[in-house]
């Protein structure tokens, strides 16, 4: 099975790094030249709470994809929300006949992907793991490797064989749950993000620091209330 990660930033880099470490056939695609150049030269380094590792993953600049002949069975879309529409259109011709796009993003972008690539070619993924990226080709995993990392599901709410297969693949990254309530999980994640993201922007603190500092933690709880 051929896998691509379009958007090899914090989320995409962690997903791609662990899948490559597990021996999966994964290609990292990104718009940041320095990121791809360094991955090609030195590999992708992943720093979790446990032991750091570096993988020699296949990597492509966004401009190199059109010349690639291979197609992908699964594409993890990990770009910013405002890049969702064009990125979906861009990667669609590179899907295999049964291939599909997985929205591994913050925000609720599944319908944008579905309206571009097709509803049957779209699968939802709620990203729960904590990540970070502050330099090219180096991603951080700030959450524990044993904690729940993803929830995956069909947009229709039905359980399917491909989602079960996707769950098993993502287990290489971290514990993954199959959900039949994707939209409920999406809105719950959005509510959780709303508690901390604005505070992070205002204070300059990381999400973990907001939870650990008493005053910011109290503010986050008030936002939720």
N, C-alpha and C. Protein backbone atom coordinates (compact mmCIF):
# COMPACT_ATOMS: atom_id res chain seq x y z
N UNK A 1 0.84 -1.19 0.00
CA UNK A 1 0.00 0.00 0.00
C UNK A 1 0.88 1.25 0.00
N UNK A 2 0.61 2.14 -0.92
CA UNK A 2 1.40 3.37 -1.04
C UNK A 2 0.67 4.52 -0.34
N UNK A 3 1.40 5.20 0.51
CA UNK A 3 0.85 6.27 1.33
C UNK A 3 1.61 7.57 1.05
N UNK A 4 0.87 8.67 0.98
CA UNK A 4 1.49 9.99 0.87
C UNK A 4 1.02 10.87 2.01
N UNK A 5 1.87 11.78 2.43
CA UNK A 5 1.51 12.81 3.39
C UNK A 5 1.71 14.15 2.71
N UNK A 6 0.62 14.84 2.42
CA UNK A 6 0.69 16.15 1.78
C UNK A 6 0.60 17.21 2.87
N UNK A 7 1.75 17.84 3.13
CA UNK A 7 1.86 18.77 4.24
C UNK A 7 2.69 18.13 5.34
N UNK A 8 4.01 18.14 5.17
CA UNK A 8 4.91 17.45 6.11
C UNK A 8 5.37 18.38 7.22
N UNK A 9 4.40 19.05 7.83
CA UNK A 9 4.70 19.91 8.96
C UNK A 9 4.64 19.13 10.26
N UNK A 10 4.10 19.74 11.31
CA UNK A 10 4.09 19.09 12.62
C UNK A 10 3.26 17.81 12.62
N UNK A 11 1.99 17.92 12.23
CA UNK A 11 1.12 16.73 12.22
C UNK A 11 1.57 15.74 11.15
N UNK A 12 1.72 16.23 9.92
CA UNK A 12 2.11 15.35 8.82
C UNK A 12 3.47 14.72 9.02
N UNK A 13 4.40 15.49 9.59
CA UNK A 13 5.74 14.96 9.82
C UNK A 13 5.75 13.84 10.84
N UNK A 14 4.97 14.01 11.91
CA UNK A 14 4.89 12.95 12.92
C UNK A 14 4.23 11.71 12.34
N UNK A 15 3.13 11.89 11.61
CA UNK A 15 2.48 10.74 10.98
C UNK A 15 3.44 10.04 10.03
N UNK A 16 4.03 10.81 9.12
CA UNK A 16 4.95 10.22 8.15
C UNK A 16 6.17 9.60 8.78
N UNK A 17 6.70 10.22 9.82
CA UNK A 17 7.89 9.70 10.48
C UNK A 17 7.66 8.35 11.11
N UNK A 18 6.57 8.22 11.84
CA UNK A 18 6.28 6.94 12.49
C UNK A 18 5.91 5.86 11.48
N UNK A 19 5.18 6.23 10.42
CA UNK A 19 4.83 5.23 9.40
C UNK A 19 6.08 4.74 8.69
N UNK A 20 7.01 5.66 8.39
CA UNK A 20 8.26 5.26 7.76
C UNK A 20 9.08 4.36 8.68
N UNK A 21 9.10 4.70 9.96
CA UNK A 21 9.83 3.89 10.93
C UNK A 21 9.25 2.47 11.01
N UNK A 22 7.93 2.36 10.81
CA UNK A 22 7.27 1.06 10.86
C UNK A 22 7.43 0.26 9.56
N UNK A 23 8.10 0.86 8.57
CA UNK A 23 8.34 0.16 7.31
C UNK A 23 7.28 0.38 6.26
N UNK A 24 6.38 1.33 6.49
CA UNK A 24 5.34 1.63 5.50
C UNK A 24 5.95 2.36 4.30
N UNK A 25 5.33 2.17 3.13
CA UNK A 25 5.75 2.85 1.91
C UNK A 25 5.12 4.24 1.91
N UNK A 26 5.84 5.22 2.43
CA UNK A 26 5.28 6.56 2.61
C UNK A 26 6.15 7.60 1.92
N UNK A 27 5.48 8.57 1.28
CA UNK A 27 6.14 9.69 0.62
C UNK A 27 5.69 10.99 1.26
N UNK A 28 6.64 11.82 1.65
CA UNK A 28 6.34 13.12 2.24
C UNK A 28 6.37 14.19 1.16
N UNK A 29 5.32 15.00 1.10
CA UNK A 29 5.21 16.08 0.12
C UNK A 29 4.99 17.39 0.87
N UNK A 30 5.76 18.42 0.51
CA UNK A 30 5.60 19.68 1.24
C UNK A 30 5.92 20.87 0.35
N UNK A 31 5.40 22.03 0.77
CA UNK A 31 5.58 23.27 0.03
C UNK A 31 6.79 24.07 0.52
N UNK A 32 7.36 23.68 1.64
CA UNK A 32 8.49 24.39 2.24
C UNK A 32 9.79 23.79 1.70
N UNK A 33 10.49 24.50 0.81
CA UNK A 33 11.68 23.94 0.18
C UNK A 33 12.74 23.47 1.18
N UNK A 34 13.01 24.28 2.20
CA UNK A 34 14.05 23.91 3.17
C UNK A 34 13.72 22.62 3.90
N UNK A 35 12.43 22.41 4.15
CA UNK A 35 12.00 21.20 4.85
C UNK A 35 12.30 19.95 4.02
N UNK A 36 11.87 19.97 2.76
CA UNK A 36 12.08 18.81 1.89
C UNK A 36 13.56 18.62 1.58
N UNK A 37 14.28 19.70 1.34
CA UNK A 37 15.72 19.60 1.06
C UNK A 37 16.45 18.90 2.20
N UNK A 38 16.13 19.28 3.42
CA UNK A 38 16.83 18.69 4.56
C UNK A 38 16.40 17.24 4.80
N UNK A 39 15.12 16.94 4.55
CA UNK A 39 14.68 15.55 4.67
C UNK A 39 15.41 14.67 3.66
N UNK A 40 15.55 15.18 2.44
CA UNK A 40 16.26 14.42 1.41
C UNK A 40 17.73 14.20 1.79
N UNK A 41 18.32 15.20 2.42
CA UNK A 41 19.75 15.13 2.74
C UNK A 41 20.03 14.37 4.03
N UNK A 42 19.29 14.72 5.09
CA UNK A 42 19.60 14.19 6.42
C UNK A 42 18.51 13.31 7.02
N UNK A 43 17.37 13.20 6.35
CA UNK A 43 16.27 12.44 6.92
C UNK A 43 15.36 13.32 7.77
N UNK A 44 14.29 12.72 8.26
CA UNK A 44 13.32 13.41 9.12
C UNK A 44 13.55 12.95 10.56
N UNK A 45 13.76 13.90 11.45
CA UNK A 45 13.98 13.57 12.86
C UNK A 45 12.69 13.80 13.65
N UNK A 46 12.32 12.81 14.44
CA UNK A 46 11.14 12.88 15.29
C UNK A 46 11.59 12.81 16.75
N UNK A 47 11.20 13.81 17.53
CA UNK A 47 11.56 13.85 18.95
C UNK A 47 10.30 13.68 19.79
N UNK A 48 10.05 12.48 20.28
CA UNK A 48 8.92 12.25 21.18
C UNK A 48 9.37 12.38 22.63
N UNK A 49 8.48 12.06 23.55
CA UNK A 49 8.87 12.05 24.96
C UNK A 49 9.80 10.87 25.23
N UNK A 50 9.72 9.87 24.36
CA UNK A 50 10.57 8.70 24.52
C UNK A 50 11.87 8.92 23.73
N UNK A 51 12.32 7.95 22.99
CA UNK A 51 13.61 8.02 22.30
C UNK A 51 13.49 8.69 20.93
N UNK A 52 14.36 9.67 20.67
CA UNK A 52 14.39 10.35 19.37
C UNK A 52 14.87 9.39 18.28
N UNK A 53 14.33 9.58 17.06
CA UNK A 53 14.78 8.77 15.94
C UNK A 53 14.76 9.59 14.66
N UNK A 54 15.51 9.12 13.67
CA UNK A 54 15.56 9.76 12.36
C UNK A 54 15.28 8.71 11.30
N UNK A 55 14.41 9.05 10.34
CA UNK A 55 14.07 8.13 9.26
C UNK A 55 14.48 8.74 7.92
N UNK A 56 14.89 7.88 7.01
CA UNK A 56 15.22 8.31 5.65
C UNK A 56 13.97 8.10 4.78
N UNK A 57 13.05 9.04 4.86
CA UNK A 57 11.78 8.92 4.15
C UNK A 57 11.88 9.50 2.75
N UNK A 58 11.08 8.95 1.83
CA UNK A 58 10.97 9.54 0.50
C UNK A 58 10.31 10.92 0.63
N UNK A 59 10.83 11.89 -0.09
CA UNK A 59 10.33 13.25 0.03
C UNK A 59 10.28 13.93 -1.33
N UNK A 60 9.23 14.71 -1.55
CA UNK A 60 9.05 15.43 -2.81
C UNK A 60 8.67 16.88 -2.55
N UNK A 61 9.29 17.78 -3.29
CA UNK A 61 8.79 19.14 -3.35
C UNK A 61 7.43 19.11 -4.04
N UNK A 62 6.59 20.07 -3.70
CA UNK A 62 5.26 20.12 -4.31
C UNK A 62 5.35 20.15 -5.83
N UNK A 63 6.39 20.80 -6.37
CA UNK A 63 6.55 20.90 -7.82
C UNK A 63 7.05 19.63 -8.47
N UNK A 64 7.50 18.66 -7.68
CA UNK A 64 8.00 17.40 -8.23
C UNK A 64 6.92 16.34 -8.36
N UNK A 65 5.77 16.59 -7.76
CA UNK A 65 4.72 15.57 -7.72
C UNK A 65 4.16 15.29 -9.11
N UNK A 66 4.02 16.32 -9.92
CA UNK A 66 3.42 16.14 -11.25
C UNK A 66 4.23 15.19 -12.12
N UNK A 67 5.53 15.09 -11.86
CA UNK A 67 6.38 14.20 -12.65
C UNK A 67 6.42 12.78 -12.08
N UNK A 68 5.86 12.59 -10.89
CA UNK A 68 5.86 11.27 -10.27
C UNK A 68 4.80 10.39 -10.92
N UNK A 69 5.15 9.18 -11.26
CA UNK A 69 4.22 8.29 -11.95
C UNK A 69 3.37 7.46 -10.99
N UNK A 70 3.85 7.26 -9.77
CA UNK A 70 3.11 6.40 -8.85
C UNK A 70 1.85 7.09 -8.34
N UNK A 71 0.87 6.26 -8.01
CA UNK A 71 -0.35 6.76 -7.39
C UNK A 71 -0.40 6.26 -5.95
N UNK A 72 -1.27 6.88 -5.18
CA UNK A 72 -1.30 6.60 -3.75
C UNK A 72 -2.66 6.03 -3.34
N UNK A 73 -2.60 5.06 -2.44
CA UNK A 73 -3.83 4.44 -1.92
C UNK A 73 -4.43 5.27 -0.80
N UNK A 74 -3.57 5.92 -0.03
CA UNK A 74 -4.02 6.80 1.05
C UNK A 74 -3.18 8.07 1.01
N UNK A 75 -3.85 9.21 1.07
CA UNK A 75 -3.16 10.50 1.18
C UNK A 75 -3.62 11.18 2.46
N UNK A 76 -2.70 11.39 3.39
CA UNK A 76 -3.00 12.17 4.59
C UNK A 76 -2.82 13.64 4.24
N UNK A 77 -3.92 14.39 4.30
CA UNK A 77 -3.87 15.82 4.01
C UNK A 77 -3.65 16.56 5.32
N UNK A 78 -2.48 17.17 5.47
CA UNK A 78 -2.12 17.82 6.73
C UNK A 78 -1.69 19.26 6.51
N UNK A 79 -2.36 19.93 5.58
CA UNK A 79 -2.08 21.34 5.30
C UNK A 79 -2.98 22.21 6.17
N UNK A 80 -2.71 23.51 6.18
CA UNK A 80 -3.57 24.45 6.88
C UNK A 80 -4.96 24.45 6.24
N UNK A 81 -5.96 24.81 7.03
CA UNK A 81 -7.33 24.76 6.53
C UNK A 81 -7.53 25.59 5.27
N UNK A 82 -6.87 26.76 5.19
CA UNK A 82 -7.06 27.62 4.02
C UNK A 82 -6.42 27.05 2.76
N UNK A 83 -5.61 26.01 2.90
CA UNK A 83 -5.01 25.35 1.74
C UNK A 83 -5.76 24.08 1.32
N UNK A 84 -6.84 23.76 2.00
CA UNK A 84 -7.51 22.48 1.80
C UNK A 84 -8.03 22.30 0.38
N UNK A 85 -8.71 23.29 -0.16
CA UNK A 85 -9.36 23.13 -1.46
C UNK A 85 -8.35 22.88 -2.58
N UNK A 86 -7.34 23.75 -2.67
CA UNK A 86 -6.39 23.57 -3.78
C UNK A 86 -5.56 22.31 -3.58
N UNK A 87 -5.23 21.97 -2.33
CA UNK A 87 -4.43 20.77 -2.08
C UNK A 87 -5.20 19.52 -2.46
N UNK A 88 -6.50 19.51 -2.21
CA UNK A 88 -7.34 18.36 -2.59
C UNK A 88 -7.38 18.20 -4.11
N UNK A 89 -7.57 19.33 -4.80
CA UNK A 89 -7.59 19.28 -6.27
C UNK A 89 -6.23 18.84 -6.81
N UNK A 90 -5.17 19.32 -6.18
CA UNK A 90 -3.82 19.02 -6.64
C UNK A 90 -3.50 17.53 -6.56
N UNK A 91 -3.88 16.89 -5.46
CA UNK A 91 -3.47 15.51 -5.23
C UNK A 91 -4.46 14.50 -5.83
N UNK A 92 -5.66 14.94 -6.17
CA UNK A 92 -6.68 14.01 -6.68
C UNK A 92 -6.20 13.15 -7.86
N UNK A 93 -5.52 13.72 -8.86
CA UNK A 93 -5.07 12.89 -9.99
C UNK A 93 -4.06 11.82 -9.60
N UNK A 94 -3.50 11.93 -8.41
CA UNK A 94 -2.47 10.99 -7.97
C UNK A 94 -3.02 9.92 -7.03
N UNK A 95 -4.35 9.84 -6.93
CA UNK A 95 -4.98 8.77 -6.15
C UNK A 95 -5.09 7.52 -7.01
N UNK A 96 -4.92 6.36 -6.40
CA UNK A 96 -5.16 5.10 -7.09
C UNK A 96 -6.67 4.94 -7.30
N UNK A 97 -7.11 3.99 -8.12
CA UNK A 97 -8.55 3.83 -8.38
C UNK A 97 -9.40 3.71 -7.11
N UNK A 98 -8.88 3.09 -6.08
CA UNK A 98 -9.62 2.97 -4.82
C UNK A 98 -9.04 3.87 -3.73
N UNK A 99 -8.17 4.79 -4.13
CA UNK A 99 -7.49 5.65 -3.16
C UNK A 99 -8.42 6.69 -2.55
N UNK A 100 -8.01 7.21 -1.39
CA UNK A 100 -8.82 8.22 -0.71
C UNK A 100 -7.93 9.17 0.08
N UNK A 101 -8.53 10.32 0.43
CA UNK A 101 -7.84 11.37 1.18
C UNK A 101 -8.33 11.35 2.62
N UNK A 102 -7.40 11.44 3.55
CA UNK A 102 -7.71 11.50 4.97
C UNK A 102 -7.41 12.90 5.48
N UNK A 103 -8.41 13.57 6.00
CA UNK A 103 -8.22 14.92 6.53
C UNK A 103 -7.60 14.84 7.92
N UNK A 104 -6.27 14.89 7.98
CA UNK A 104 -5.56 14.89 9.27
C UNK A 104 -5.22 16.33 9.61
N UNK A 105 -6.25 17.13 9.90
CA UNK A 105 -6.11 18.57 10.11
C UNK A 105 -6.89 19.01 11.33
N UNK A 106 -6.54 20.17 11.84
CA UNK A 106 -7.44 20.84 12.76
C UNK A 106 -8.51 21.54 11.93
N UNK A 107 -9.66 21.78 12.53
CA UNK A 107 -10.74 22.38 11.77
C UNK A 107 -11.65 21.32 11.20
N UNK A 108 -12.67 21.76 10.48
CA UNK A 108 -13.68 20.86 9.92
C UNK A 108 -13.67 21.06 8.41
N UNK A 109 -12.83 20.29 7.72
CA UNK A 109 -12.59 20.49 6.29
C UNK A 109 -13.05 19.32 5.43
N UNK A 110 -13.71 18.34 6.04
CA UNK A 110 -14.06 17.13 5.31
C UNK A 110 -14.96 17.40 4.11
N UNK A 111 -15.93 18.30 4.27
CA UNK A 111 -16.84 18.57 3.16
C UNK A 111 -16.13 19.28 2.01
N UNK A 112 -15.14 20.10 2.32
CA UNK A 112 -14.36 20.75 1.26
C UNK A 112 -13.63 19.71 0.43
N UNK A 113 -13.01 18.75 1.10
CA UNK A 113 -12.31 17.68 0.40
C UNK A 113 -13.29 16.84 -0.40
N UNK A 114 -14.42 16.49 0.22
CA UNK A 114 -15.41 15.63 -0.44
C UNK A 114 -15.99 16.28 -1.68
N UNK A 115 -16.24 17.59 -1.62
CA UNK A 115 -16.80 18.28 -2.78
C UNK A 115 -15.78 18.42 -3.91
N UNK A 116 -14.51 18.27 -3.57
CA UNK A 116 -13.44 18.36 -4.57
C UNK A 116 -13.06 17.00 -5.11
N UNK A 117 -12.76 16.06 -4.21
CA UNK A 117 -12.26 14.74 -4.61
C UNK A 117 -13.36 13.69 -4.70
N UNK A 118 -14.50 13.96 -4.08
CA UNK A 118 -15.60 13.00 -4.07
C UNK A 118 -15.85 12.47 -2.66
N UNK A 119 -17.11 12.25 -2.34
CA UNK A 119 -17.47 11.80 -1.00
C UNK A 119 -16.93 10.41 -0.69
N UNK A 120 -16.89 9.55 -1.70
CA UNK A 120 -16.38 8.20 -1.47
C UNK A 120 -14.86 8.17 -1.38
N UNK A 121 -14.22 9.28 -1.71
CA UNK A 121 -12.75 9.35 -1.64
C UNK A 121 -12.27 10.18 -0.45
N UNK A 122 -13.14 10.34 0.54
CA UNK A 122 -12.82 11.17 1.69
C UNK A 122 -13.09 10.41 2.99
N UNK A 123 -12.12 10.41 3.88
CA UNK A 123 -12.26 9.78 5.19
C UNK A 123 -11.81 10.79 6.24
N UNK A 124 -12.52 10.83 7.36
CA UNK A 124 -12.20 11.79 8.40
C UNK A 124 -11.24 11.23 9.43
N UNK A 125 -10.43 12.12 10.00
CA UNK A 125 -9.47 11.73 11.04
C UNK A 125 -9.34 12.88 12.03
N UNK A 126 -9.73 12.65 13.26
CA UNK A 126 -9.57 13.64 14.32
C UNK A 126 -8.21 13.42 14.97
N UNK A 127 -7.36 14.42 14.89
CA UNK A 127 -5.99 14.32 15.42
C UNK A 127 -5.99 14.77 16.87
N UNK A 128 -5.57 13.88 17.75
CA UNK A 128 -5.58 14.18 19.18
C UNK A 128 -4.16 14.36 19.72
N UNK A 129 -3.18 13.72 19.09
CA UNK A 129 -1.82 13.78 19.62
C UNK A 129 -1.26 15.20 19.57
N UNK A 130 -0.37 15.50 20.49
CA UNK A 130 0.27 16.81 20.53
C UNK A 130 1.56 16.80 19.73
N UNK A 131 1.76 17.85 18.92
CA UNK A 131 2.93 17.91 18.04
C UNK A 131 3.48 19.33 17.98
N UNK A 132 4.66 19.47 17.41
CA UNK A 132 5.25 20.78 17.21
C UNK A 132 6.33 20.71 16.14
N UNK A 133 6.64 21.85 15.52
CA UNK A 133 7.71 21.92 14.53
C UNK A 133 8.27 23.34 14.52
N UNK A 134 9.58 23.47 14.75
CA UNK A 134 10.20 24.78 14.86
C UNK A 134 11.42 24.94 13.96
N UNK A 135 11.75 23.90 13.21
CA UNK A 135 12.84 23.97 12.25
C UNK A 135 12.61 22.90 11.18
N UNK A 136 13.22 23.05 10.00
CA UNK A 136 13.01 22.08 8.93
C UNK A 136 13.42 20.67 9.33
N UNK A 137 12.63 19.69 8.88
CA UNK A 137 12.96 18.26 9.02
C UNK A 137 13.08 17.80 10.46
N UNK A 138 12.45 18.50 11.38
CA UNK A 138 12.50 18.11 12.80
C UNK A 138 11.14 18.37 13.44
N UNK A 139 10.45 17.31 13.81
CA UNK A 139 9.13 17.44 14.42
C UNK A 139 9.16 16.91 15.85
N UNK A 140 8.29 17.45 16.68
CA UNK A 140 8.19 17.05 18.07
C UNK A 140 6.86 16.36 18.31
N UNK A 141 6.90 15.34 19.14
CA UNK A 141 5.66 14.72 19.62
C UNK A 141 5.57 15.01 21.11
N UNK A 142 4.64 15.86 21.50
CA UNK A 142 4.58 16.32 22.88
C UNK A 142 3.65 15.49 23.75
N UNK A 143 2.82 14.67 23.14
CA UNK A 143 1.93 13.80 23.90
C UNK A 143 2.56 12.42 24.07
N UNK A 144 2.09 11.71 25.07
CA UNK A 144 2.61 10.37 25.34
C UNK A 144 2.26 9.41 24.23
N UNK A 145 3.18 8.54 23.87
CA UNK A 145 2.97 7.60 22.77
C UNK A 145 1.87 6.59 23.06
N UNK A 146 1.53 6.39 24.33
CA UNK A 146 0.51 5.41 24.70
C UNK A 146 -0.88 6.02 24.78
N UNK A 147 -0.99 7.34 24.68
CA UNK A 147 -2.30 7.99 24.79
C UNK A 147 -3.02 7.97 23.45
N UNK A 148 -4.35 8.06 23.48
CA UNK A 148 -5.15 8.05 22.26
C UNK A 148 -4.67 9.15 21.32
N UNK A 149 -4.41 8.79 20.06
CA UNK A 149 -3.80 9.72 19.12
C UNK A 149 -4.74 10.16 18.00
N UNK A 150 -5.61 9.26 17.54
CA UNK A 150 -6.49 9.56 16.41
C UNK A 150 -7.86 8.90 16.61
N UNK A 151 -8.87 9.51 15.98
CA UNK A 151 -10.18 8.89 15.82
C UNK A 151 -10.52 8.98 14.34
N UNK A 152 -10.79 7.85 13.70
CA UNK A 152 -11.04 7.83 12.26
C UNK A 152 -12.45 7.33 11.98
N UNK A 153 -13.05 7.85 10.90
CA UNK A 153 -14.41 7.43 10.58
C UNK A 153 -14.85 7.89 9.21
N UNK A 154 -15.84 7.18 8.69
CA UNK A 154 -16.48 7.57 7.44
C UNK A 154 -17.36 8.79 7.68
N UNK A 155 -17.49 9.63 6.66
CA UNK A 155 -18.34 10.81 6.78
C UNK A 155 -19.80 10.42 6.97
N UNK A 156 -20.17 9.23 6.50
CA UNK A 156 -21.55 8.76 6.62
C UNK A 156 -21.87 8.23 8.01
N UNK A 157 -20.85 7.99 8.82
CA UNK A 157 -21.07 7.40 10.14
C UNK A 157 -21.09 5.89 10.13
N UNK A 158 -20.91 5.28 8.97
CA UNK A 158 -20.91 3.82 8.88
C UNK A 158 -19.52 3.27 9.17
N UNK A 159 -19.48 2.09 9.76
CA UNK A 159 -18.20 1.39 9.92
C UNK A 159 -17.88 0.72 8.59
N UNK A 160 -16.62 0.72 8.20
CA UNK A 160 -16.23 0.14 6.91
C UNK A 160 -14.90 -0.57 7.04
N UNK A 161 -14.63 -1.45 6.07
CA UNK A 161 -13.38 -2.19 6.08
C UNK A 161 -12.18 -1.26 5.90
N UNK A 162 -12.32 -0.24 5.03
CA UNK A 162 -11.17 0.63 4.79
C UNK A 162 -10.83 1.47 6.02
N UNK A 163 -11.84 1.85 6.78
CA UNK A 163 -11.56 2.62 7.99
C UNK A 163 -10.91 1.74 9.05
N UNK A 164 -11.30 0.48 9.11
CA UNK A 164 -10.63 -0.44 10.02
C UNK A 164 -9.18 -0.64 9.60
N UNK A 165 -8.92 -0.74 8.31
CA UNK A 165 -7.54 -0.85 7.82
C UNK A 165 -6.75 0.42 8.14
N UNK A 166 -7.41 1.58 7.97
CA UNK A 166 -6.76 2.85 8.30
C UNK A 166 -6.43 2.91 9.79
N UNK A 167 -7.33 2.43 10.61
CA UNK A 167 -7.08 2.41 12.06
C UNK A 167 -5.83 1.60 12.38
N UNK A 168 -5.70 0.45 11.74
CA UNK A 168 -4.54 -0.40 11.99
C UNK A 168 -3.24 0.27 11.52
N UNK A 169 -3.32 0.98 10.40
CA UNK A 169 -2.14 1.70 9.90
C UNK A 169 -1.73 2.79 10.88
N UNK A 170 -2.70 3.57 11.34
CA UNK A 170 -2.38 4.67 12.25
C UNK A 170 -1.97 4.19 13.63
N UNK A 171 -2.27 2.95 13.95
CA UNK A 171 -1.77 2.38 15.20
C UNK A 171 -0.24 2.36 15.24
N UNK A 172 0.39 2.41 14.05
CA UNK A 172 1.85 2.51 14.01
C UNK A 172 2.34 3.85 14.55
N UNK A 173 1.45 4.84 14.51
CA UNK A 173 1.79 6.17 15.04
C UNK A 173 1.38 6.28 16.50
N UNK A 174 0.18 5.81 16.81
CA UNK A 174 -0.34 5.86 18.17
C UNK A 174 -1.71 5.23 18.23
N UNK A 175 -2.21 4.93 19.42
CA UNK A 175 -3.52 4.30 19.57
C UNK A 175 -4.61 5.04 18.80
N UNK A 176 -5.36 4.30 18.01
CA UNK A 176 -6.37 4.89 17.12
C UNK A 176 -7.71 4.21 17.33
N UNK A 177 -8.75 5.01 17.38
CA UNK A 177 -10.11 4.52 17.61
C UNK A 177 -10.96 4.74 16.37
N UNK A 178 -11.80 3.76 16.03
CA UNK A 178 -12.77 3.92 14.96
C UNK A 178 -14.03 4.56 15.55
N UNK A 179 -14.51 5.62 14.91
CA UNK A 179 -15.71 6.29 15.39
C UNK A 179 -16.81 6.26 14.34
N UNK A 180 -18.05 6.12 14.78
CA UNK A 180 -19.21 6.24 13.90
C UNK A 180 -19.90 7.59 14.14
N UNK A 181 -19.23 8.46 14.87
CA UNK A 181 -19.76 9.80 15.15
C UNK A 181 -18.68 10.84 14.84
N UNK A 182 -18.23 10.83 13.58
CA UNK A 182 -17.13 11.71 13.18
C UNK A 182 -17.43 13.17 13.45
N UNK A 183 -18.64 13.61 13.11
CA UNK A 183 -18.95 15.03 13.24
C UNK A 183 -18.99 15.45 14.70
N UNK A 184 -19.50 14.59 15.57
CA UNK A 184 -19.48 14.88 17.00
C UNK A 184 -18.06 15.00 17.53
N UNK A 185 -17.21 14.10 17.07
CA UNK A 185 -15.80 14.14 17.48
C UNK A 185 -15.11 15.40 16.95
N UNK A 186 -15.46 15.79 15.72
CA UNK A 186 -14.88 17.01 15.13
C UNK A 186 -15.22 18.24 15.98
N UNK A 187 -16.50 18.39 16.33
CA UNK A 187 -16.92 19.57 17.07
C UNK A 187 -16.36 19.55 18.49
N UNK A 188 -16.22 18.36 19.07
CA UNK A 188 -15.62 18.27 20.40
C UNK A 188 -14.17 18.73 20.36
N UNK A 189 -13.44 18.32 19.31
CA UNK A 189 -12.04 18.74 19.16
C UNK A 189 -11.96 20.25 18.94
N UNK A 190 -12.87 20.80 18.14
CA UNK A 190 -12.87 22.24 17.89
C UNK A 190 -13.11 23.01 19.18
N UNK A 191 -14.02 22.51 20.01
CA UNK A 191 -14.29 23.17 21.29
C UNK A 191 -13.05 23.13 22.18
N UNK A 192 -12.35 21.99 22.17
CA UNK A 192 -11.13 21.86 22.97
C UNK A 192 -10.05 22.83 22.48
N UNK A 193 -9.90 22.92 21.15
CA UNK A 193 -8.91 23.85 20.58
C UNK A 193 -9.23 25.29 20.96
N UNK A 194 -10.51 25.62 20.97
CA UNK A 194 -10.92 26.99 21.27
C UNK A 194 -10.54 27.40 22.69
N UNK A 195 -10.40 26.42 23.57
CA UNK A 195 -10.01 26.72 24.95
C UNK A 195 -8.58 27.23 25.04
N UNK A 196 -7.70 26.72 24.17
CA UNK A 196 -6.27 27.00 24.34
C UNK A 196 -5.62 27.79 23.21
N UNK A 197 -6.13 27.66 22.00
CA UNK A 197 -5.41 28.24 20.86
C UNK A 197 -5.28 29.76 20.94
N UNK A 198 -6.36 30.44 21.30
CA UNK A 198 -6.29 31.90 21.41
C UNK A 198 -5.34 32.31 22.53
N UNK A 199 -5.39 31.58 23.64
CA UNK A 199 -4.49 31.88 24.76
C UNK A 199 -3.03 31.67 24.37
N UNK A 200 -2.79 30.64 23.57
CA UNK A 200 -1.42 30.38 23.10
C UNK A 200 -0.93 31.54 22.24
N UNK A 201 -1.81 32.05 21.37
CA UNK A 201 -1.43 33.17 20.52
C UNK A 201 -1.18 34.45 21.31
N UNK A 202 -1.98 34.67 22.35
CA UNK A 202 -1.85 35.89 23.15
C UNK A 202 -0.62 35.85 24.05
N UNK A 203 -0.40 34.69 24.68
CA UNK A 203 0.66 34.58 25.69
C UNK A 203 1.99 34.09 25.15
N UNK A 204 1.97 33.42 23.99
CA UNK A 204 3.19 32.83 23.47
C UNK A 204 3.52 31.49 24.11
N UNK A 205 2.64 31.01 24.98
CA UNK A 205 2.86 29.72 25.64
C UNK A 205 2.46 28.57 24.72
N UNK A 206 3.06 27.42 24.95
CA UNK A 206 2.65 26.21 24.25
C UNK A 206 1.41 25.63 24.93
N UNK A 207 0.70 24.76 24.21
CA UNK A 207 -0.55 24.20 24.75
C UNK A 207 -0.32 23.50 26.09
N UNK A 208 0.77 22.74 26.18
CA UNK A 208 1.06 22.03 27.43
C UNK A 208 1.29 23.01 28.58
N UNK A 209 1.95 24.15 28.28
CA UNK A 209 2.20 25.15 29.32
C UNK A 209 0.90 25.78 29.80
N UNK A 210 -0.03 25.99 28.88
CA UNK A 210 -1.32 26.57 29.26
C UNK A 210 -2.05 25.66 30.23
N UNK A 211 -1.96 24.37 30.01
CA UNK A 211 -2.61 23.41 30.92
C UNK A 211 -1.92 23.36 32.28
N UNK A 212 -0.62 23.57 32.30
CA UNK A 212 0.15 23.42 33.53
C UNK A 212 0.17 24.69 34.39
N UNK A 213 0.08 25.86 33.73
CA UNK A 213 0.09 27.12 34.47
C UNK A 213 -1.31 27.37 35.06
N UNK A 214 -1.37 27.66 36.34
CA UNK A 214 -2.67 27.77 37.02
C UNK A 214 -3.55 28.86 36.40
N UNK A 215 -3.00 30.06 36.17
CA UNK A 215 -3.82 31.17 35.69
C UNK A 215 -4.36 30.92 34.28
N UNK A 216 -3.50 30.42 33.39
CA UNK A 216 -3.98 30.16 32.03
C UNK A 216 -4.92 28.96 32.00
N UNK A 217 -4.69 28.00 32.88
CA UNK A 217 -5.61 26.85 32.95
C UNK A 217 -7.00 27.31 33.38
N UNK A 218 -7.05 28.21 34.35
CA UNK A 218 -8.34 28.74 34.81
C UNK A 218 -9.04 29.52 33.70
N UNK A 219 -8.27 30.30 32.93
CA UNK A 219 -8.85 31.04 31.81
C UNK A 219 -9.42 30.09 30.76
N UNK A 220 -8.69 29.03 30.46
CA UNK A 220 -9.15 28.06 29.47
C UNK A 220 -10.45 27.41 29.91
N UNK A 221 -10.56 27.11 31.19
CA UNK A 221 -11.79 26.50 31.72
C UNK A 221 -12.95 27.48 31.60
N UNK A 222 -12.69 28.76 31.85
CA UNK A 222 -13.75 29.77 31.73
C UNK A 222 -14.20 29.93 30.28
N UNK A 223 -13.25 29.85 29.35
CA UNK A 223 -13.61 29.92 27.92
C UNK A 223 -14.55 28.76 27.57
N UNK A 224 -14.24 27.58 28.07
CA UNK A 224 -15.07 26.41 27.79
C UNK A 224 -16.46 26.55 28.39
N UNK A 225 -16.52 27.18 29.56
CA UNK A 225 -17.80 27.33 30.23
C UNK A 225 -18.68 28.37 29.55
